[in-house]
Protein backbone atom coordinates (compact mmCIF):
# COMPACT_ATOMS: atom_id res chain seq x y z
CA UNK A 1 -19.51 -1.41 -8.74
CA UNK A 2 -17.62 -4.81 -8.02
CA UNK A 3 -20.31 -7.32 -8.72
CA UNK A 4 -20.46 -10.23 -6.20
CA UNK A 5 -18.65 -11.41 -4.25
CA UNK A 6 -15.60 -8.94 -6.00
CA UNK A 7 -17.42 -6.14 -4.00
CA UNK A 8 -17.13 -7.74 -0.62
CA UNK A 9 -13.87 -6.58 0.64
CA UNK A 10 -12.20 -3.34 -1.30
CA UNK A 11 -8.79 -2.55 0.24
CA UNK A 12 -4.81 -1.74 -0.33
CA UNK A 13 -5.29 1.37 -2.75
CA UNK A 14 -2.15 2.39 -4.81
CA UNK A 15 -3.18 5.50 -7.26
CA UNK A 16 -1.12 6.53 -10.14
CA UNK A 17 -0.92 9.73 -12.72
CA UNK A 18 -1.16 7.76 -16.30
CA UNK A 19 2.07 8.56 -17.97
CA UNK A 20 2.32 10.93 -21.52
CA UNK A 21 3.64 7.83 -23.04
CA UNK A 22 0.55 5.20 -22.75
CA UNK A 23 -0.88 5.67 -25.36
CA UNK A 24 -5.13 5.34 -25.21
CA UNK A 25 -5.41 5.25 -21.95
CA UNK A 26 -8.83 4.45 -20.12
CA UNK A 27 -8.59 7.64 -17.87
CA UNK A 28 -5.75 10.08 -16.12
CA UNK A 29 -5.89 8.35 -13.06
CA UNK A 30 -5.34 4.70 -12.39
CA UNK A 31 -6.21 3.36 -9.44
CA UNK A 32 -5.40 0.04 -8.24
CA UNK A 33 -6.56 -2.35 -5.05
CA UNK A 34 -7.26 -5.37 -4.00
CA UNK A 35 -9.96 -8.09 -2.48
CA UNK A 36 -8.12 -9.64 0.67
CA UNK A 37 -8.28 -13.17 -0.45
CA UNK A 38 -8.80 -11.78 -4.19
CA UNK A 39 -7.66 -14.12 -7.41
CA UNK A 40 -6.88 -10.42 -9.10
CA UNK A 41 -5.52 -6.72 -8.89
CA UNK A 42 -8.35 -4.99 -9.22
CA UNK A 43 -8.53 -1.18 -12.12
CA UNK A 44 -10.48 1.81 -11.93
CA UNK A 45 -9.56 4.55 -13.95
CA UNK A 46 -10.87 8.65 -13.45
CA UNK A 47 -10.10 11.86 -15.11
CA UNK A 48 -10.18 13.62 -12.08
CA UNK A 49 -8.91 12.75 -8.09
CA UNK A 50 -12.58 12.98 -7.33
CA UNK A 51 -14.02 10.74 -9.77
CA UNK A 52 -16.25 9.80 -11.36
CA UNK A 53 -13.94 6.23 -11.00
CA UNK A 54 -15.11 3.74 -13.85
CA UNK A 55 -14.01 -0.47 -13.00
CA UNK A 56 -11.86 -1.64 -16.28
CA UNK A 57 -13.30 -5.20 -15.85
CA UNK A 58 -10.94 -8.20 -15.24
CA UNK A 59 -8.70 -5.11 -13.91
CA UNK A 60 -5.11 -6.08 -13.96
CA UNK A 61 -2.72 -8.83 -12.76
CA UNK A 62 -4.51 -11.76 -11.89
CA UNK A 63 -3.48 -14.72 -9.50
CA UNK A 64 -3.09 -17.01 -12.95
CA UNK A 65 -0.10 -15.01 -14.05
CA UNK A 66 1.87 -14.47 -10.55
CA UNK A 67 3.45 -18.00 -10.93
CA UNK A 68 4.84 -18.48 -7.58
CA UNK A 69 1.52 -17.03 -5.73
CA UNK A 70 -1.06 -19.26 -4.94
CA UNK A 71 -4.93 -18.96 -3.13
CA UNK A 72 -4.93 -14.60 -3.53
CA UNK A 73 -2.29 -11.63 -4.60
CA UNK A 74 -2.94 -8.24 -3.40
CA UNK A 75 -1.44 -4.73 -1.22
CA UNK A 76 -0.49 -3.86 -4.49
CA UNK A 77 2.10 -0.23 -4.90
CA UNK A 78 3.05 0.76 -7.97
CA UNK A 79 5.46 3.21 -9.95
CA UNK A 80 5.65 4.65 -12.55
CA UNK A 81 9.32 3.84 -14.40
CA UNK A 82 9.85 7.19 -16.71
CA UNK A 83 13.22 5.81 -17.89
CA UNK A 84 12.39 2.32 -18.79
CA UNK A 85 8.83 3.46 -19.49
CA UNK A 86 7.20 0.76 -17.86
CA UNK A 87 4.86 0.26 -14.97
CA UNK A 88 5.91 -1.32 -11.72
CA UNK A 89 3.92 -3.01 -9.05
CA UNK A 90 4.86 -5.01 -6.22
CA UNK A 91 2.34 -6.95 -4.62
CA UNK A 92 2.06 -9.88 -2.64
CA UNK A 93 0.75 -13.52 -2.34
CA UNK A 94 1.16 -16.42 -0.38
CA UNK A 95 4.00 -18.87 -1.09
CA UNK A 96 4.14 -22.82 -0.28
CA UNK A 97 6.21 -23.13 2.84
CA UNK A 98 7.11 -19.11 3.05
CA UNK A 99 4.24 -17.77 4.02
CA UNK A 100 2.70 -14.34 2.48
CA UNK A 101 5.72 -13.05 0.38
CA UNK A 102 6.28 -9.57 -1.88
CA UNK A 103 7.15 -9.55 -6.00
CA UNK A 104 7.60 -7.60 -8.34
CA UNK A 105 5.64 -7.10 -11.65
CA UNK A 106 6.08 -5.00 -14.79
CA UNK A 107 3.78 -3.21 -17.54
CA UNK A 108 4.10 -0.77 -20.25
CA UNK A 109 0.50 0.18 -20.75
CA UNK A 110 -0.44 -0.12 -17.01
CA UNK A 111 -3.37 -2.93 -17.80
CA UNK A 112 -1.23 -6.08 -18.98
CA UNK A 113 1.58 -7.21 -15.85
CA UNK A 114 4.33 -9.74 -16.65
CA UNK A 115 5.04 -11.09 -12.95
CA UNK A 116 8.56 -12.06 -12.13
CA UNK A 117 8.89 -15.25 -9.56
CA UNK A 118 11.55 -13.80 -7.24
CA UNK A 119 10.43 -13.62 -3.92
CA UNK A 120 11.50 -9.94 -2.80
CA UNK A 121 10.99 -9.88 1.18
CA UNK A 122 8.04 -10.09 3.56
CA UNK A 123 4.59 -8.67 2.48
CA UNK A 124 2.96 -5.45 1.99
CA UNK A 125 6.08 -3.46 0.83
CA UNK A 126 6.16 -0.05 -0.23
CA UNK A 127 8.93 1.36 -1.98
CA UNK A 128 10.63 4.30 -2.44
CA UNK A 129 13.93 5.72 -3.73
CA UNK A 130 16.75 7.87 -2.22
CA UNK A 131 20.36 8.03 -2.27
CA UNK A 132 21.21 5.37 -5.07
CA UNK A 133 18.73 2.43 -3.77
CA UNK A 134 15.26 1.45 -3.74
CA UNK A 135 13.82 0.80 -0.17
CA UNK A 136 10.98 -0.88 0.66
CA UNK A 137 8.66 -1.35 3.90
CA UNK A 138 6.62 -4.33 4.81
CA UNK A 139 4.51 -5.20 7.79
CA UNK A 140 5.07 -4.17 10.48
CA UNK A 141 8.15 -1.44 9.88
CA UNK A 142 10.45 -3.76 8.56
CA UNK A 143 12.94 -2.58 5.98
CA UNK A 144 14.64 -3.82 2.67
CA UNK A 145 16.48 -2.12 0.05
CA UNK A 146 17.69 -3.06 -3.62
CA UNK A 147 19.68 -1.50 -6.33
CA UNK A 148 17.37 -1.39 -9.29
CA UNK A 149 14.57 -1.98 -7.12
CA UNK A 150 13.49 -5.67 -9.17
CA UNK A 151 15.78 -7.90 -7.45
CA UNK A 152 18.16 -8.88 -4.72
CA UNK A 153 16.71 -7.55 -1.99
CA UNK A 154 18.71 -6.92 1.55
CA UNK A 155 16.48 -7.72 4.47
CA UNK A 156 17.43 -5.06 7.06
CA UNK A 157 16.51 -2.77 10.29
CA UNK A 158 13.26 -2.39 11.93
CA UNK A 159 12.94 1.37 12.74
CA UNK A 160 9.76 1.31 15.25
CA UNK A 161 11.03 1.40 18.83
CA UNK A 162 10.50 -1.78 20.71
CA UNK A 163 9.83 -4.14 17.45
CA UNK A 164 11.76 -7.77 18.06
CA UNK A 165 14.30 -8.22 15.18
CA UNK A 166 13.08 -11.70 14.68
CA UNK A 167 9.57 -11.14 14.40
CA UNK A 168 7.74 -11.37 10.50
CA UNK A 169 4.25 -11.55 11.37
CA UNK A 170 3.43 -8.43 13.47
CA UNK A 171 0.19 -9.72 14.76
CA UNK A 172 -0.05 -9.17 17.84
CA UNK A 173 -1.62 -5.38 19.24
CA UNK A 174 -0.03 -2.15 18.25
CA UNK A 175 1.40 -3.96 15.27
CA UNK A 176 2.29 -1.87 11.94
CA UNK A 177 -0.40 -3.18 9.69
CA UNK A 178 0.02 -1.32 6.75
CA UNK A 179 2.29 1.85 6.07
CA UNK A 180 2.29 4.12 2.89
CA UNK A 181 5.22 6.57 2.64
CA UNK A 182 5.94 9.98 1.46
CA UNK A 183 9.68 11.31 1.44
CA UNK A 184 10.19 14.65 1.80
CA UNK A 185 13.53 15.38 1.45
CA UNK A 186 15.79 14.02 3.87
CA UNK A 187 12.37 12.93 6.05
CA UNK A 188 10.39 9.86 5.26
CA UNK A 189 6.64 10.38 6.65
CA UNK A 190 5.51 6.79 7.35
CA UNK A 191 1.78 6.16 7.52
CA UNK A 192 0.30 3.15 9.29
CA UNK A 193 -2.57 1.94 10.93
CA UNK A 194 -2.29 -0.46 13.95
CA UNK A 195 -3.37 -3.83 14.72
CA UNK A 196 -5.53 -3.64 18.22
CA UNK A 197 -6.63 0.04 17.99
CA UNK A 198 -9.48 1.62 19.18
CA UNK A 199 -10.84 2.47 16.38
CA UNK A 200 -7.84 1.16 13.72
CA UNK A 201 -7.14 4.22 12.46
CA UNK A 202 -4.76 6.56 10.31
CA UNK A 203 -1.23 7.75 12.13
CA UNK A 204 2.51 8.74 11.15
CA UNK A 205 5.31 9.47 12.39
CA UNK A 206 8.54 11.00 11.02
CA UNK A 207 12.02 8.99 9.99
CA UNK A 208 15.30 11.52 9.05
CA UNK A 209 17.36 9.04 6.87
CA UNK A 210 20.57 9.12 7.23
CA UNK A 211 23.25 7.56 5.42
CA UNK A 212 23.79 4.59 7.14
CA UNK A 213 20.14 2.82 7.16
CA UNK A 214 20.82 0.93 10.38
CA UNK A 215 20.23 4.30 11.97
CA UNK A 216 16.92 5.27 10.86
CA UNK A 217 14.58 5.35 13.73
CA UNK A 218 10.97 6.40 13.38
CA UNK A 219 9.34 9.37 15.69
CA UNK A 220 6.65 9.63 18.22
CA UNK A 221 3.30 8.52 16.09
CA UNK A 222 1.22 11.54 15.22
CA UNK A 223 -2.95 10.92 14.56
CA UNK A 224 -3.71 11.76 11.43
CA UNK A 225 -7.26 10.98 10.70
CA UNK A 226 -10.32 8.32 12.45
CA UNK A 227 -13.22 7.39 11.09
CA UNK A 228 -15.61 11.02 11.53
CA UNK A 229 -18.45 10.20 8.78
CA UNK A 230 -20.95 7.24 8.45
CA UNK A 231 -19.37 6.14 5.37
CA UNK A 232 -16.07 5.64 6.93
CA UNK A 233 -17.67 3.37 9.55
CA UNK A 234 -18.16 6.08 12.41
CA UNK A 235 -21.20 4.81 12.86
CA UNK A 236 -21.19 0.96 13.77
CA UNK A 237 -19.98 0.16 17.64
CA UNK A 238 -16.07 0.72 18.47
CA UNK A 239 -14.06 -2.20 18.98
CA UNK A 240 -10.64 -2.62 19.14
CA UNK A 241 -9.11 -4.03 15.40
CA UNK A 242 -7.52 -7.39 14.98
CA UNK A 243 -4.98 -9.03 12.27
CA UNK A 244 -6.36 -10.72 9.70
CA UNK A 245 -9.56 -9.13 6.84
CA UNK A 246 -12.38 -7.25 7.87
CA UNK A 247 -15.36 -9.13 8.80
CA UNK A 248 -17.82 -7.00 7.13
CA UNK A 249 -17.91 -3.09 7.74
CA UNK A 250 -15.88 -1.96 10.91
CA UNK A 251 -15.48 1.52 12.27
CA UNK A 252 -11.75 1.43 11.43
CA UNK A 253 -9.50 3.30 9.00
CA UNK A 254 -7.00 1.40 7.21
CA UNK A 255 -4.44 0.81 4.17
CA UNK A 256 -2.71 4.24 3.80
CA UNK A 257 -1.03 5.65 0.07
CA UNK A 258 0.31 8.51 -0.59
CA UNK A 259 0.05 10.50 -3.89
CA UNK A 260 1.86 13.89 -5.18
CA UNK A 261 0.61 15.76 -7.68
CA UNK A 262 1.84 19.27 -8.30
CA UNK A 263 3.25 19.96 -4.71
CA UNK A 264 -0.58 18.81 -3.32
CA UNK A 265 0.19 15.56 -1.01
CA UNK A 266 -3.10 13.45 -1.52
CA UNK A 267 -3.88 10.36 1.27
CA UNK A 268 -6.47 7.46 0.23
CA UNK A 269 -7.32 4.66 2.47
CA UNK A 270 -9.82 2.05 3.42
CA UNK A 271 -12.75 2.70 4.76
CA UNK A 272 -15.17 1.51 7.43
CA UNK A 273 -12.84 -1.80 8.23
CA UNK A 274 -11.80 -2.98 4.55
CA UNK A 275 -15.15 -1.71 2.46
CA UNK A 276 -13.88 0.83 0.12
CA UNK A 277 -11.47 3.67 -0.59
CA UNK A 278 -11.40 7.10 0.34
CA UNK A 279 -9.21 10.16 -0.85
CA UNK A 280 -8.24 13.54 1.35
CA UNK A 281 -5.89 16.08 0.71
CA UNK A 282 -3.01 16.33 3.46
CA UNK A 283 -2.48 20.33 4.33
CA UNK A 284 0.22 21.82 5.35
CA UNK A 285 0.52 22.72 8.78
CA UNK A 286 -0.57 26.18 9.82
CA UNK A 287 2.12 28.60 10.11
């Protein structure tokens, strides 16, 4: 679906249902995603979660429109702000002298975005609202929070046991790569994959949200999904994954994202390393 080099790496999904106040949308759903070294955030659209999905040429946010970043932009995390009638996208890119950092961009139509040059925190932000704050979780599980969600993020604790509070890269085996967040009342479900797993797969842990975020603790890992089908990479050799971009198809799943609609919870994820995007419904546990 993506021509040439644009289609050699596909990762980092984030899905929204297009709000009613957007006039003449391309489709009912917008799926934002990235290339590990891409110069723009990709966009696909459809009227059904099952497709067919079509690519919007030129994508959404472009590197040229993110003046603080150099080299590439990736890892979109997209939210609908009903109160302001805005689409909000968190994303990351390399910053000279600082490494890879997160930023935010806003849009009135979900197609054209205006990016802020304020560094929000480390990379791979996924965000959620709770108790009057916007919270973000970055690579490795590191927490941040902000009152308005667009500026002034403060760094907080890491709720995953055994993590070094000084760590920012999180590239060692066992480190959490990308996260997805689903808040259900006072329980935050954190979906993630881990560098070095064999195979890399999607797991989740629960955090019971207390008023003091310094008391948040992630529970034990629970496996959600591993490669089972050939298109997920199950036909490829079983190897421990490594940090950085996938080099071709791999026996691995990465980059979880959560989408909730009408009480149903869906998991999006990157397949065969970073070779495509799939979606599955998370069914309630049988009683």
